[in-house]
Amino acid sequence: MKAAWRAWKHRDDEADEQQTTEGGLKALEVAAVTFANGGETVGVYVPVFATAGAGGMSVYVIVFLALVAVWCLAGRYFATRPLIAKALSRWGHILLPLVLTALGLLILVNGGAFGL
């Protein structure tokens, strides 16, 4: 949310836009976000993979790879549409954190996390 607010607040700054497009994200920042987001994934999938046999593991791998291919094809399809690509390039850095935050809250609410 903080990054979305900062991006919205400085949306007209040319220097800030030039820095993001030229410099990109630093490898350490990407690694930190990946590490922070991976903790719950490891906690969920290790028990699942430990109890699935070789056949179950094969099914998981095949389904995972097939769905990654679907996501990649869908992403390519939408990114190559001029209207959608223009909207994503302009608003994506604001919309993505908002959508992910809303999705996380929806999962927490539907999972009963606030009723403990």
PDB file of N, CA and C in Angstrom:
ATOM      1  N   MET A   1       0.831  -1.185   0.000  1.00  0.00           N
ATOM      2  CA  MET A   1       0.000   0.000   0.000  1.00  0.00           C
ATOM      3  C   MET A   1       0.879   1.255   0.000  1.00  0.00           C
ATOM      4  N   LYS A   2       1.976   1.175   0.767  1.00  0.00           N
ATOM      5  CA  LYS A   2       2.879   2.321   0.835  1.00  0.00           C
ATOM      6  C   LYS A   2       3.507   2.604  -0.528  1.00  0.00           C
ATOM      7  N   ALA A   3       3.905   1.548  -1.238  1.00  0.00           N
ATOM      8  CA  ALA A   3       4.499   1.722  -2.565  1.00  0.00           C
ATOM      9  C   ALA A   3       3.478   2.257  -3.551  1.00  0.00           C
ATOM     10  N   ALA A   4       2.232   1.796  -3.445  1.00  0.00           N
ATOM     11  CA  ALA A   4       1.184   2.296  -4.331  1.00  0.00           C
ATOM     12  C   ALA A   4       0.935   3.777  -4.067  1.00  0.00           C
ATOM     13  N   TRP A   5       0.892   4.168  -2.804  1.00  0.00           N
ATOM     14  CA  TRP A   5       0.683   5.573  -2.469  1.00  0.00           C
ATOM     15  C   TRP A   5       1.843   6.434  -2.971  1.00  0.00           C
ATOM     16  N   ARG A   6       3.067   5.960  -2.784  1.00  0.00           N
ATOM     17  CA  ARG A   6       4.242   6.702  -3.233  1.00  0.00           C
ATOM     18  C   ARG A   6       4.228   6.855  -4.762  1.00  0.00           C
ATOM     19  N   ALA A   7       3.856   5.784  -5.458  1.00  0.00           N
ATOM     20  CA  ALA A   7       3.794   5.841  -6.923  1.00  0.00           C
ATOM     21  C   ALA A   7       2.713   6.810  -7.375  1.00  0.00           C
ATOM     22  N   TRP A   8       1.576   6.803  -6.707  1.00  0.00           N
ATOM     23  CA  TRP A   8       0.495   7.717  -7.053  1.00  0.00           C
ATOM     24  C   TRP A   8       0.891   9.158  -6.770  1.00  0.00           C
ATOM     25  N   LYS A   9       1.550   9.371  -5.652  1.00  0.00           N
ATOM     26  CA  LYS A   9       1.937  10.719  -5.245  1.00  0.00           C
ATOM     27  C   LYS A   9       2.961  11.320  -6.205  1.00  0.00           C
ATOM     28  N   HIS A  10       3.855  10.492  -6.718  1.00  0.00           N
ATOM     29  CA  HIS A  10       4.933  10.967  -7.599  1.00  0.00           C
ATOM     30  C   HIS A  10       4.708  10.542  -9.047  1.00  0.00           C
ATOM     31  N   ARG A  11       3.468  10.410  -9.453  1.00  0.00           N
ATOM     32  CA  ARG A  11       3.177   9.917 -10.802  1.00  0.00           C
ATOM     33  C   ARG A  11       3.617  10.860 -11.901  1.00  0.00           C
ATOM     34  N   ASP A  12       3.790  12.129 -11.608  1.00  0.00           N
ATOM     35  CA  ASP A  12       4.181  13.100 -12.626  1.00  0.00           C
ATOM     36  C   ASP A  12       5.665  13.428 -12.613  1.00  0.00           C
ATOM     37  N   ASP A  13       6.413  12.837 -11.679  1.00  0.00           N
ATOM     38  CA  ASP A  13       7.843  13.107 -11.593  1.00  0.00           C
ATOM     39  C   ASP A  13       8.580  12.359 -12.697  1.00  0.00           C
ATOM     40  N   GLU A  14       9.230  13.091 -13.585  1.00  0.00           N
ATOM     41  CA  GLU A  14       9.956  12.457 -14.684  1.00  0.00           C
ATOM     42  C   GLU A  14      11.207  11.736 -14.192  1.00  0.00           C
ATOM     43  N   ALA A  15      11.896  12.303 -13.216  1.00  0.00           N
ATOM     44  CA  ALA A  15      13.130  11.689 -12.714  1.00  0.00           C
ATOM     45  C   ALA A  15      12.831  10.339 -12.071  1.00  0.00           C
ATOM     46  N   ASP A  16      11.720  10.270 -11.310  1.00  0.00           N
ATOM     47  CA  ASP A  16      11.353   9.018 -10.654  1.00  0.00           C
ATOM     48  C   ASP A  16      10.995   7.953 -11.685  1.00  0.00           C
ATOM     49  N   GLU A  17      10.259   8.361 -12.729  1.00  0.00           N
ATOM     50  CA  GLU A  17       9.874   7.416 -13.775  1.00  0.00           C
ATOM     51  C   GLU A  17      11.101   6.928 -14.538  1.00  0.00           C
ATOM     52  N   GLN A  18      12.025   7.833 -14.802  1.00  0.00           N
ATOM     53  CA  GLN A  18      13.225   7.463 -15.539  1.00  0.00           C
ATOM     54  C   GLN A  18      14.077   6.498 -14.709  1.00  0.00           C
ATOM     55  N   GLN A  19      14.148   6.712 -13.420  1.00  0.00           N
ATOM     56  CA  GLN A  19      14.934   5.838 -12.555  1.00  0.00           C
ATOM     57  C   GLN A  19      14.349   4.426 -12.535  1.00  0.00           C
ATOM     58  N   THR A  20      13.002   4.318 -12.492  1.00  0.00           N
ATOM     59  CA  THR A  20      12.397   2.992 -12.437  1.00  0.00           C
ATOM     60  C   THR A  20      12.573   2.247 -13.754  1.00  0.00           C
ATOM     61  N   THR A  21      12.477   2.952 -14.877  1.00  0.00           N
ATOM     62  CA  THR A  21      12.586   2.244 -16.142  1.00  0.00           C
ATOM     63  C   THR A  21      14.035   1.907 -16.466  1.00  0.00           C
ATOM     64  N   GLU A  22      14.977   2.770 -16.108  1.00  0.00           N
ATOM     65  CA  GLU A  22      16.373   2.499 -16.422  1.00  0.00           C
ATOM     66  C   GLU A  22      17.026   1.590 -15.395  1.00  0.00           C
ATOM     67  N   GLY A  23      16.826   1.881 -14.116  1.00  0.00           N
ATOM     68  CA  GLY A  23      17.509   1.126 -13.070  1.00  0.00           C
ATOM     69  C   GLY A  23      16.859  -0.204 -12.763  1.00  0.00           C
ATOM     70  N   GLY A  24      15.552  -0.256 -12.820  1.00  0.00           N
ATOM     71  CA  GLY A  24      14.849  -1.481 -12.492  1.00  0.00           C
ATOM     72  C   GLY A  24      15.001  -1.826 -11.011  1.00  0.00           C
ATOM     73  N   LEU A  25      14.586  -3.002 -10.654  1.00  0.00           N
ATOM     74  CA  LEU A  25      14.725  -3.451  -9.279  1.00  0.00           C
ATOM     75  C   LEU A  25      16.098  -4.070  -9.073  1.00  0.00           C
ATOM     76  N   LYS A  26      16.623  -3.850  -7.914  1.00  0.00           N
ATOM     77  CA  LYS A  26      17.907  -4.446  -7.578  1.00  0.00           C
ATOM     78  C   LYS A  26      17.697  -5.913  -7.214  1.00  0.00           C
ATOM     79  N   ALA A  27      18.694  -6.727  -7.475  1.00  0.00           N
ATOM     80  CA  ALA A  27      18.592  -8.165  -7.232  1.00  0.00           C
ATOM     81  C   ALA A  27      18.315  -8.470  -5.766  1.00  0.00           C
ATOM     82  N   LEU A  28      18.897  -7.695  -4.854  1.00  0.00           N
ATOM     83  CA  LEU A  28      18.673  -7.930  -3.434  1.00  0.00           C
ATOM     84  C   LEU A  28      17.215  -7.669  -3.052  1.00  0.00           C
ATOM     85  N   GLU A  29      16.605  -6.635  -3.641  1.00  0.00           N
ATOM     86  CA  GLU A  29      15.200  -6.350  -3.361  1.00  0.00           C
ATOM     87  C   GLU A  29      14.309  -7.482  -3.853  1.00  0.00           C
ATOM     88  N   VAL A  30      14.590  -7.962  -5.045  1.00  0.00           N
ATOM     89  CA  VAL A  30      13.805  -9.073  -5.593  1.00  0.00           C
ATOM     90  C   VAL A  30      13.981 -10.319  -4.733  1.00  0.00           C
ATOM     91  N   ALA A  31      15.199 -10.602  -4.312  1.00  0.00           N
ATOM     92  CA  ALA A  31      15.458 -11.766  -3.468  1.00  0.00           C
ATOM     93  C   ALA A  31      14.738 -11.635  -2.128  1.00  0.00           C
ATOM     94  N   ALA A  32      14.734 -10.442  -1.548  1.00  0.00           N
ATOM     95  CA  ALA A  32      14.065 -10.237  -0.256  1.00  0.00           C
ATOM     96  C   ALA A  32      12.562 -10.447  -0.373  1.00  0.00           C
ATOM     97  N   VAL A  33      11.958  -9.931  -1.426  1.00  0.00           N
ATOM     98  CA  VAL A  33      10.514 -10.116  -1.614  1.00  0.00           C
ATOM     99  C   VAL A  33      10.198 -11.579  -1.866  1.00  0.00           C
ATOM    100  N   THR A  34      11.015 -12.233  -2.670  1.00  0.00           N
ATOM    101  CA  THR A  34      10.799 -13.652  -2.952  1.00  0.00           C
ATOM    102  C   THR A  34      10.915 -14.471  -1.675  1.00  0.00           C
ATOM    103  N   PHE A  35      11.908 -14.197  -0.866  1.00  0.00           N
ATOM    104  CA  PHE A  35      12.103 -14.915   0.391  1.00  0.00           C
ATOM    105  C   PHE A  35      10.930 -14.661   1.341  1.00  0.00           C
ATOM    106  N   ALA A  36      10.500 -13.409   1.446  1.00  0.00           N
ATOM    107  CA  ALA A  36       9.405 -13.069   2.355  1.00  0.00           C
ATOM    108  C   ALA A  36       8.095 -13.717   1.920  1.00  0.00           C
ATOM    109  N   ASN A  37       7.863 -13.807   0.633  1.00  0.00           N
ATOM    110  CA  ASN A  37       6.617 -14.392   0.147  1.00  0.00           C
ATOM    111  C   ASN A  37       6.643 -15.910   0.130  1.00  0.00           C
ATOM    112  N   GLY A  38       7.806 -16.516   0.257  1.00  0.00           N
ATOM    113  CA  GLY A  38       7.901 -17.963   0.132  1.00  0.00           C
ATOM    114  C   GLY A  38       7.693 -18.738   1.410  1.00  0.00           C
ATOM    115  N   GLY A  39       7.688 -18.086   2.552  1.00  0.00           N
ATOM    116  CA  GLY A  39       7.594 -18.793   3.830  1.00  0.00           C
ATOM    117  C   GLY A  39       6.331 -19.601   3.997  1.00  0.00           C
ATOM    118  N   GLU A  40       5.188 -18.998   3.734  1.00  0.00           N
ATOM    119  CA  GLU A  40       3.932 -19.733   3.903  1.00  0.00           C
ATOM    120  C   GLU A  40       3.787 -20.822   2.847  1.00  0.00           C
ATOM    121  N   THR A  41       4.383 -20.605   1.701  1.00  0.00           N
ATOM    122  CA  THR A  41       4.320 -21.623   0.657  1.00  0.00           C
ATOM    123  C   THR A  41       5.057 -22.882   1.096  1.00  0.00           C
ATOM    124  N   VAL A  42       6.230 -22.707   1.662  1.00  0.00           N
ATOM    125  CA  VAL A  42       6.990 -23.859   2.156  1.00  0.00           C
ATOM    126  C   VAL A  42       6.216 -24.545   3.276  1.00  0.00           C
ATOM    127  N   GLY A  43       5.645 -23.778   4.175  1.00  0.00           N
ATOM    128  CA  GLY A  43       4.892 -24.338   5.293  1.00  0.00           C
ATOM    129  C   GLY A  43       3.668 -25.126   4.864  1.00  0.00           C
ATOM    130  N   VAL A  44       3.074 -24.757   3.743  1.00  0.00           N
ATOM    131  CA  VAL A  44       1.884 -25.460   3.268  1.00  0.00           C
ATOM    132  C   VAL A  44       2.247 -26.687   2.449  1.00  0.00           C
ATOM    133  N   TYR A  45       3.204 -26.537   1.541  1.00  0.00           N
ATOM    134  CA  TYR A  45       3.446 -27.601   0.572  1.00  0.00           C
ATOM    135  C   TYR A  45       4.379 -28.708   1.052  1.00  0.00           C
ATOM    136  N   VAL A  46       5.237 -28.455   2.009  1.00  0.00           N
ATOM    137  CA  VAL A  46       6.127 -29.514   2.489  1.00  0.00           C
ATOM    138  C   VAL A  46       5.326 -30.685   3.054  1.00  0.00           C
ATOM    139  N   PRO A  47       4.337 -30.462   3.921  1.00  0.00           N
ATOM    140  CA  PRO A  47       3.547 -31.613   4.394  1.00  0.00           C
ATOM    141  C   PRO A  47       2.776 -32.311   3.270  1.00  0.00           C
ATOM    142  N   VAL A  48       2.276 -31.527   2.314  1.00  0.00           N
ATOM    143  CA  VAL A  48       1.536 -32.133   1.194  1.00  0.00           C
ATOM    144  C   VAL A  48       2.454 -33.020   0.376  1.00  0.00           C
ATOM    145  N   PHE A  49       3.634 -32.516   0.045  1.00  0.00           N
ATOM    146  CA  PHE A  49       4.573 -33.296  -0.760  1.00  0.00           C
ATOM    147  C   PHE A  49       5.145 -34.476   0.023  1.00  0.00           C
ATOM    148  N   ALA A  50       5.269 -34.333   1.333  1.00  0.00           N
ATOM    149  CA  ALA A  50       5.819 -35.420   2.141  1.00  0.00           C
ATOM    150  C   ALA A  50       4.860 -36.609   2.195  1.00  0.00           C
ATOM    151  N   THR A  51       3.561 -36.343   2.149  1.00  0.00           N
ATOM    152  CA  THR A  51       2.588 -37.435   2.245  1.00  0.00           C
ATOM    153  C   THR A  51       2.148 -37.972   0.886  1.00  0.00           C
ATOM    154  N   ALA A  52       2.396 -37.220  -0.184  1.00  0.00           N
ATOM    155  CA  ALA A  52       2.014 -37.695  -1.525  1.00  0.00           C
ATOM    156  C   ALA A  52       3.049 -38.694  -2.004  1.00  0.00           C
ATOM    157  N   GLY A  53       2.630 -39.749  -2.581  1.00  0.00           N
ATOM    158  CA  GLY A  53       3.582 -40.721  -3.112  1.00  0.00           C
ATOM    159  C   GLY A  53       4.173 -40.233  -4.416  1.00  0.00           C
ATOM    160  N   ALA A  54       4.878 -41.121  -5.096  1.00  0.00           N
ATOM    161  CA  ALA A  54       5.490 -40.760  -6.374  1.00  0.00           C
ATOM    162  C   ALA A  54       4.418 -40.426  -7.407  1.00  0.00           C
ATOM    163  N   GLY A  55       3.315 -41.159  -7.399  1.00  0.00           N
ATOM    164  CA  GLY A  55       2.224 -40.887  -8.332  1.00  0.00           C
ATOM    165  C   GLY A  55       1.566 -39.548  -8.063  1.00  0.00           C
ATOM    166  N   GLY A  56       1.309 -39.279  -6.793  1.00  0.00           N
ATOM    167  CA  GLY A  56       0.712 -37.985  -6.418  1.00  0.00           C
ATOM    168  C   GLY A  56       1.620 -36.829  -6.749  1.00  0.00           C
ATOM    169  N   MET A  57       2.908 -37.005  -6.503  1.00  0.00           N
ATOM    170  CA  MET A  57       3.877 -35.957  -6.814  1.00  0.00           C
ATOM    171  C   MET A  57       3.913 -35.690  -8.312  1.00  0.00           C
ATOM    172  N   SER A  58       3.824 -36.742  -9.109  1.00  0.00           N
ATOM    173  CA  SER A  58       3.818 -36.583 -10.563  1.00  0.00           C
ATOM    174  C   SER A  58       2.605 -35.772 -11.016  1.00  0.00           C
ATOM    175  N   VAL A  59       1.457 -36.071 -10.419  1.00  0.00           N
ATOM    176  CA  VAL A  59       0.244 -35.321 -10.763  1.00  0.00           C
ATOM    177  C   VAL A  59       0.410 -33.853 -10.375  1.00  0.00           C
ATOM    178  N   TYR A  60       0.947 -33.575  -9.193  1.00  0.00           N
ATOM    179  CA  TYR A  60       1.169 -32.194  -8.769  1.00  0.00           C
ATOM    180  C   TYR A  60       2.074 -31.452  -9.749  1.00  0.00           C
ATOM    181  N   VAL A  61       3.153 -32.091 -10.144  1.00  0.00           N
ATOM    182  CA  VAL A  61       4.109 -31.449 -11.054  1.00  0.00           C
ATOM    183  C   VAL A  61       3.469 -31.174 -12.410  1.00  0.00           C
ATOM    184  N   ILE A  62       2.736 -32.146 -12.941  1.00  0.00           N
ATOM    185  CA  ILE A  62       2.098 -31.969 -14.259  1.00  0.00           C
ATOM    186  C   ILE A  62       1.050 -30.865 -14.213  1.00  0.00           C
ATOM    187  N   VAL A  63       0.214 -30.871 -13.184  1.00  0.00           N
ATOM    188  CA  VAL A  63      -0.813 -29.831 -13.058  1.00  0.00           C
ATOM    189  C   VAL A  63      -0.167 -28.467 -12.871  1.00  0.00           C
ATOM    190  N   PHE A  64       0.870 -28.388 -12.043  1.00  0.00           N
ATOM    191  CA  PHE A  64       1.561 -27.130 -11.822  1.00  0.00           C
ATOM    192  C   PHE A  64       2.133 -26.575 -13.129  1.00  0.00           C
ATOM    193  N   LEU A  65       2.834 -27.417 -13.879  1.00  0.00           N
ATOM    194  CA  LEU A  65       3.432 -26.958 -15.130  1.00  0.00           C
ATOM    195  C   LEU A  65       2.374 -26.561 -16.151  1.00  0.00           C
ATOM    196  N   ALA A  66       1.277 -27.297 -16.218  1.00  0.00           N
ATOM    197  CA  ALA A  66       0.204 -26.964 -17.151  1.00  0.00           C
ATOM    198  C   ALA A  66      -0.429 -25.620 -16.794  1.00  0.00           C
ATOM    199  N   LEU A  67      -0.666 -25.396 -15.509  1.00  0.00           N
ATOM    200  CA  LEU A  67      -1.292 -24.137 -15.106  1.00  0.00           C
ATOM    201  C   LEU A  67      -0.338 -22.956 -15.224  1.00  0.00           C
ATOM    202  N   VAL A  68       0.957 -23.170 -15.024  1.00  0.00           N
ATOM    203  CA  VAL A  68       1.928 -22.098 -15.271  1.00  0.00           C
ATOM    204  C   VAL A  68       1.903 -21.724 -16.748  1.00  0.00           C
ATOM    205  N   ALA A  69       1.805 -22.724 -17.621  1.00  0.00           N
ATOM    206  CA  ALA A  69       1.715 -22.445 -19.061  1.00  0.00           C
ATOM    207  C   ALA A  69       0.453 -21.652 -19.379  1.00  0.00           C
ATOM    208  N   VAL A  70      -0.665 -21.993 -18.735  1.00  0.00           N
ATOM    209  CA  VAL A  70      -1.909 -21.246 -18.953  1.00  0.00           C
ATOM    210  C   VAL A  70      -1.750 -19.804 -18.516  1.00  0.00           C
ATOM    211  N   TRP A  71      -1.142 -19.588 -17.330  1.00  0.00           N
ATOM    212  CA  TRP A  71      -0.931 -18.218 -16.842  1.00  0.00           C
ATOM    213  C   TRP A  71      -0.012 -17.434 -17.781  1.00  0.00           C
ATOM    214  N   CYS A  72       1.039 -18.077 -18.271  1.00  0.00           N
ATOM    215  CA  CYS A  72       1.958 -17.396 -19.189  1.00  0.00           C
ATOM    216  C   CYS A  72       1.262 -17.022 -20.488  1.00  0.00           C
ATOM    217  N   LEU A  73       0.468 -17.942 -21.025  1.00  0.00           N
ATOM    218  CA  LEU A  73      -0.264 -17.647 -22.261  1.00  0.00           C
ATOM    219  C   LEU A  73      -1.304 -16.548 -22.040  1.00  0.00           C
ATOM    220  N   ALA A  74      -1.991 -16.591 -20.911  1.00  0.00           N
ATOM    221  CA  ALA A  74      -2.967 -15.540 -20.608  1.00  0.00           C
ATOM    222  C   ALA A  74      -2.267 -14.191 -20.439  1.00  0.00           C
ATOM    223  N   GLY A  75      -1.126 -14.185 -19.759  1.00  0.00           N
ATOM    224  CA  GLY A  75      -0.372 -12.945 -19.596  1.00  0.00           C
ATOM    225  C   GLY A  75       0.103 -12.385 -20.918  1.00  0.00           C
ATOM    226  N   ARG A  76       0.584 -13.263 -21.778  1.00  0.00           N
ATOM    227  CA  ARG A  76       1.026 -12.815 -23.109  1.00  0.00           C
ATOM    228  C   ARG A  76      -0.145 -12.282 -23.918  1.00  0.00           C
ATOM    229  N   TYR A  77      -1.274 -12.978 -23.854  1.00  0.00           N
ATOM    230  CA  TYR A  77      -2.459 -12.535 -24.590  1.00  0.00           C
ATOM    231  C   TYR A  77      -2.884 -11.140 -24.150  1.00  0.00           C
ATOM    232  N   PHE A  78      -3.010 -10.936 -22.849  1.00  0.00           N
ATOM    233  CA  PHE A  78      -3.475  -9.642 -22.356  1.00  0.00           C
ATOM    234  C   PHE A  78      -2.436  -8.539 -22.559  1.00  0.00           C
ATOM    235  N   ALA A  79      -1.166  -8.878 -22.416  1.00  0.00           N
ATOM    236  CA  ALA A  79      -0.114  -7.862 -22.572  1.00  0.00           C
ATOM    237  C   ALA A  79       0.059  -7.426 -24.019  1.00  0.00           C
ATOM    238  N   THR A  80      -0.359  -8.235 -24.967  1.00  0.00           N
ATOM    239  CA  THR A  80      -0.225  -7.852 -26.371  1.00  0.00           C
ATOM    240  C   THR A  80      -1.450  -7.123 -26.901  1.00  0.00           C
ATOM    241  N   ARG A  81      -2.463  -6.946 -26.097  1.00  0.00           N
ATOM    242  CA  ARG A  81      -3.616  -6.145 -26.492  1.00  0.00           C
ATOM    243  C   ARG A  81      -3.299  -4.691 -26.194  1.00  0.00           C
ATOM    244  N   PRO A  82      -3.327  -3.813 -27.208  1.00  0.00           N
ATOM    245  CA  PRO A  82      -2.876  -2.424 -27.019  1.00  0.00           C
ATOM    246  C   PRO A  82      -3.591  -1.680 -25.890  1.00  0.00           C
ATOM    247  N   LEU A  83      -4.883  -1.824 -25.794  1.00  0.00           N
ATOM    248  CA  LEU A  83      -5.627  -1.100 -24.763  1.00  0.00           C
ATOM    249  C   LEU A  83      -5.239  -1.584 -23.367  1.00  0.00           C
ATOM    250  N   ILE A  84      -5.148  -2.893 -23.200  1.00  0.00           N
ATOM    251  CA  ILE A  84      -4.791  -3.462 -21.895  1.00  0.00           C
ATOM    252  C   ILE A  84      -3.335  -3.161 -21.565  1.00  0.00           C
ATOM    253  N   ALA A  85      -2.444  -3.281 -22.557  1.00  0.00           N
ATOM    254  CA  ALA A  85      -1.020  -3.000 -22.317  1.00  0.00           C
ATOM    255  C   ALA A  85      -0.816  -1.547 -21.904  1.00  0.00           C
ATOM    256  N   LYS A  86      -1.540  -0.635 -22.537  1.00  0.00           N
ATOM    257  CA  LYS A  86      -1.412   0.788 -22.183  1.00  0.00           C
ATOM    258  C   LYS A  86      -1.903   1.028 -20.753  1.00  0.00           C
ATOM    259  N   ALA A  87      -3.040   0.418 -20.403  1.00  0.00           N
ATOM    260  CA  ALA A  87      -3.577   0.584 -19.050  1.00  0.00           C
ATOM    261  C   ALA A  87      -2.640  -0.029 -18.013  1.00  0.00           C
ATOM    262  N   LEU A  88      -2.078  -1.213 -18.321  1.00  0.00           N
ATOM    263  CA  LEU A  88      -1.160  -1.850 -17.372  1.00  0.00           C
ATOM    264  C   LEU A  88       0.124  -1.051 -17.202  1.00  0.00           C
ATOM    265  N   SER A  89       0.638  -0.504 -18.290  1.00  0.00           N
ATOM    266  CA  SER A  89       1.869   0.271 -18.156  1.00  0.00           C
ATOM    267  C   SER A  89       1.629   1.555 -17.373  1.00  0.00           C
ATOM    268  N   ARG A  90       0.429   2.080 -17.461  1.00  0.00           N
ATOM    269  CA  ARG A  90       0.149   3.321 -16.748  1.00  0.00           C
ATOM    270  C   ARG A  90      -0.272   3.083 -15.301  1.00  0.00           C
ATOM    271  N   TRP A  91      -1.102   2.076 -15.055  1.00  0.00           N
ATOM    272  CA  TRP A  91      -1.697   1.871 -13.741  1.00  0.00           C
ATOM    273  C   TRP A  91      -1.268   0.580 -13.049  1.00  0.00           C
ATOM    274  N   GLY A  92      -0.490  -0.267 -13.709  1.00  0.00           N
ATOM    275  CA  GLY A  92      -0.141  -1.565 -13.141  1.00  0.00           C
ATOM    276  C   GLY A  92       0.598  -1.482 -11.820  1.00  0.00           C
ATOM    277  N   HIS A  93       1.503  -0.525 -11.686  1.00  0.00           N
ATOM    278  CA  HIS A  93       2.275  -0.402 -10.453  1.00  0.00           C
ATOM    279  C   HIS A  93       1.415   0.027  -9.272  1.00  0.00           C
ATOM    280  N   ILE A  94       0.236   0.554  -9.548  1.00  0.00           N
ATOM    281  CA  ILE A  94      -0.697   0.922  -8.477  1.00  0.00           C
ATOM    282  C   ILE A  94      -1.716  -0.193  -8.266  1.00  0.00           C
ATOM    283  N   LEU A  95      -2.213  -0.752  -9.364  1.00  0.00           N
ATOM    284  CA  LEU A  95      -3.248  -1.774  -9.262  1.00  0.00           C
ATOM    285  C   LEU A  95      -2.756  -3.083  -8.655  1.00  0.00           C
ATOM    286  N   LEU A  96      -1.549  -3.499  -8.998  1.00  0.00           N
ATOM    287  CA  LEU A  96      -1.059  -4.788  -8.512  1.00  0.00           C
ATOM    288  C   LEU A  96      -1.022  -4.860  -6.979  1.00  0.00           C
ATOM    289  N   PRO A  97      -0.412  -3.894  -6.285  1.00  0.00           N
ATOM    290  CA  PRO A  97      -0.438  -3.985  -4.812  1.00  0.00           C
ATOM    291  C   PRO A  97      -1.856  -3.944  -4.243  1.00  0.00           C
ATOM    292  N   LEU A  98      -2.742  -3.161  -4.861  1.00  0.00           N
ATOM    293  CA  LEU A  98      -4.116  -3.093  -4.373  1.00  0.00           C
ATOM    294  C   LEU A  98      -4.844  -4.427  -4.573  1.00  0.00           C
ATOM    295  N   VAL A  99      -4.672  -5.026  -5.734  1.00  0.00           N
ATOM    296  CA  VAL A  99      -5.328  -6.308  -6.011  1.00  0.00           C
ATOM    297  C   VAL A  99      -4.778  -7.400  -5.095  1.00  0.00           C
ATOM    298  N   LEU A 100      -3.465  -7.440  -4.913  1.00  0.00           N
ATOM    299  CA  LEU A 100      -2.878  -8.467  -4.051  1.00  0.00           C
ATOM    300  C   LEU A 100      -3.293  -8.279  -2.596  1.00  0.00           C
ATOM    301  N   THR A 101      -3.375  -7.033  -2.137  1.00  0.00           N
ATOM    302  CA  THR A 101      -3.816  -6.766  -0.774  1.00  0.00           C
ATOM    303  C   THR A 101      -5.273  -7.164  -0.592  1.00  0.00           C
ATOM    304  N   ALA A 102      -6.116  -6.810  -1.566  1.00  0.00           N
ATOM    305  CA  ALA A 102      -7.529  -7.188  -1.492  1.00  0.00           C
ATOM    306  C   ALA A 102      -7.693  -8.706  -1.518  1.00  0.00           C
ATOM    307  N   LEU A 103      -6.920  -9.373  -2.349  1.00  0.00           N
ATOM    308  CA  LEU A 103      -6.982 -10.834  -2.419  1.00  0.00           C
ATOM    309  C   LEU A 103      -6.547 -11.466  -1.098  1.00  0.00           C
ATOM    310  N   GLY A 104      -5.483 -10.947  -0.505  1.00  0.00           N
ATOM    311  CA  GLY A 104      -5.027 -11.447   0.790  1.00  0.00           C
ATOM    312  C   GLY A 104      -6.072 -11.253   1.875  1.00  0.00           C
ATOM    313  N   LEU A 105      -6.699 -10.074   1.898  1.00  0.00           N
ATOM    314  CA  LEU A 105      -7.752  -9.820   2.889  1.00  0.00           C
ATOM    315  C   LEU A 105      -8.952 -10.740   2.668  1.00  0.00           C
ATOM    316  N   LEU A 106      -9.311 -10.961   1.415  1.00  0.00           N
ATOM    317  CA  LEU A 106     -10.421 -11.854   1.103  1.00  0.00           C
ATOM    318  C   LEU A 106     -10.131 -13.277   1.585  1.00  0.00           C
ATOM    319  N   ILE A 107      -8.924 -13.731   1.370  1.00  0.00           N
ATOM    320  CA  ILE A 107      -8.542 -15.061   1.829  1.00  0.00           C
ATOM    321  C   ILE A 107      -8.574 -15.142   3.351  1.00  0.00           C
ATOM    322  N   LEU A 108      -8.076 -14.118   4.019  1.00  0.00           N
ATOM    323  CA  LEU A 108      -8.096 -14.106   5.489  1.00  0.00           C
ATOM    324  C   LEU A 108      -9.522 -14.091   6.034  1.00  0.00           C
ATOM    325  N   VAL A 109     -10.385 -13.271   5.448  1.00  0.00           N
ATOM    326  CA  VAL A 109     -11.760 -13.180   5.919  1.00  0.00           C
ATOM    327  C   VAL A 109     -12.505 -14.484   5.670  1.00  0.00           C
ATOM    328  N   ASN A 110     -12.387 -15.024   4.450  1.00  0.00           N
ATOM    329  CA  ASN A 110     -13.087 -16.278   4.138  1.00  0.00           C
ATOM    330  C   ASN A 110     -12.524 -17.460   4.909  1.00  0.00           C
ATOM    331  N   GLY A 111     -11.265 -17.387   5.287  1.00  0.00           N
ATOM    332  CA  GLY A 111     -10.669 -18.461   6.078  1.00  0.00           C
ATOM    333  C   GLY A 111     -10.963 -18.368   7.548  1.00  0.00           C
ATOM    334  N   GLY A 112     -11.615 -17.293   7.971  1.00  0.00           N
ATOM    335  CA  GLY A 112     -11.974 -17.138   9.372  1.00  0.00           C
ATOM    336  C   GLY A 112     -10.827 -16.691  10.251  1.00  0.00           C
ATOM    337  N   ALA A 113      -9.816 -16.048   9.677  1.00  0.00           N
ATOM    338  CA  ALA A 113      -8.656 -15.644  10.458  1.00  0.00           C
ATOM    339  C   ALA A 113      -8.984 -14.568  11.481  1.00  0.00           C
ATOM    340  N   PHE A 114     -10.013 -13.780  11.237  1.00  0.00           N
ATOM    341  CA  PHE A 114     -10.357 -12.689  12.159  1.00  0.00           C
ATOM    342  C   PHE A 114     -11.323 -13.129  13.242  1.00  0.00           C
ATOM    343  N   GLY A 115     -11.787 -14.354  13.164  1.00  0.00           N
ATOM    344  CA  GLY A 115     -12.738 -14.847  14.154  1.00  0.00           C
ATOM    345  C   GLY A 115     -12.085 -15.644  15.267  1.00  0.00           C
ATOM    346  N   LEU A 116     -10.767 -15.607  15.343  1.00  0.00           N
ATOM    347  CA  LEU A 116     -10.083 -16.409  16.366  1.00  0.00           C
ATOM    348  C   LEU A 116     -10.321 -15.903  17.745  1.00  0.00           C
TER     349      LEU A 116
END
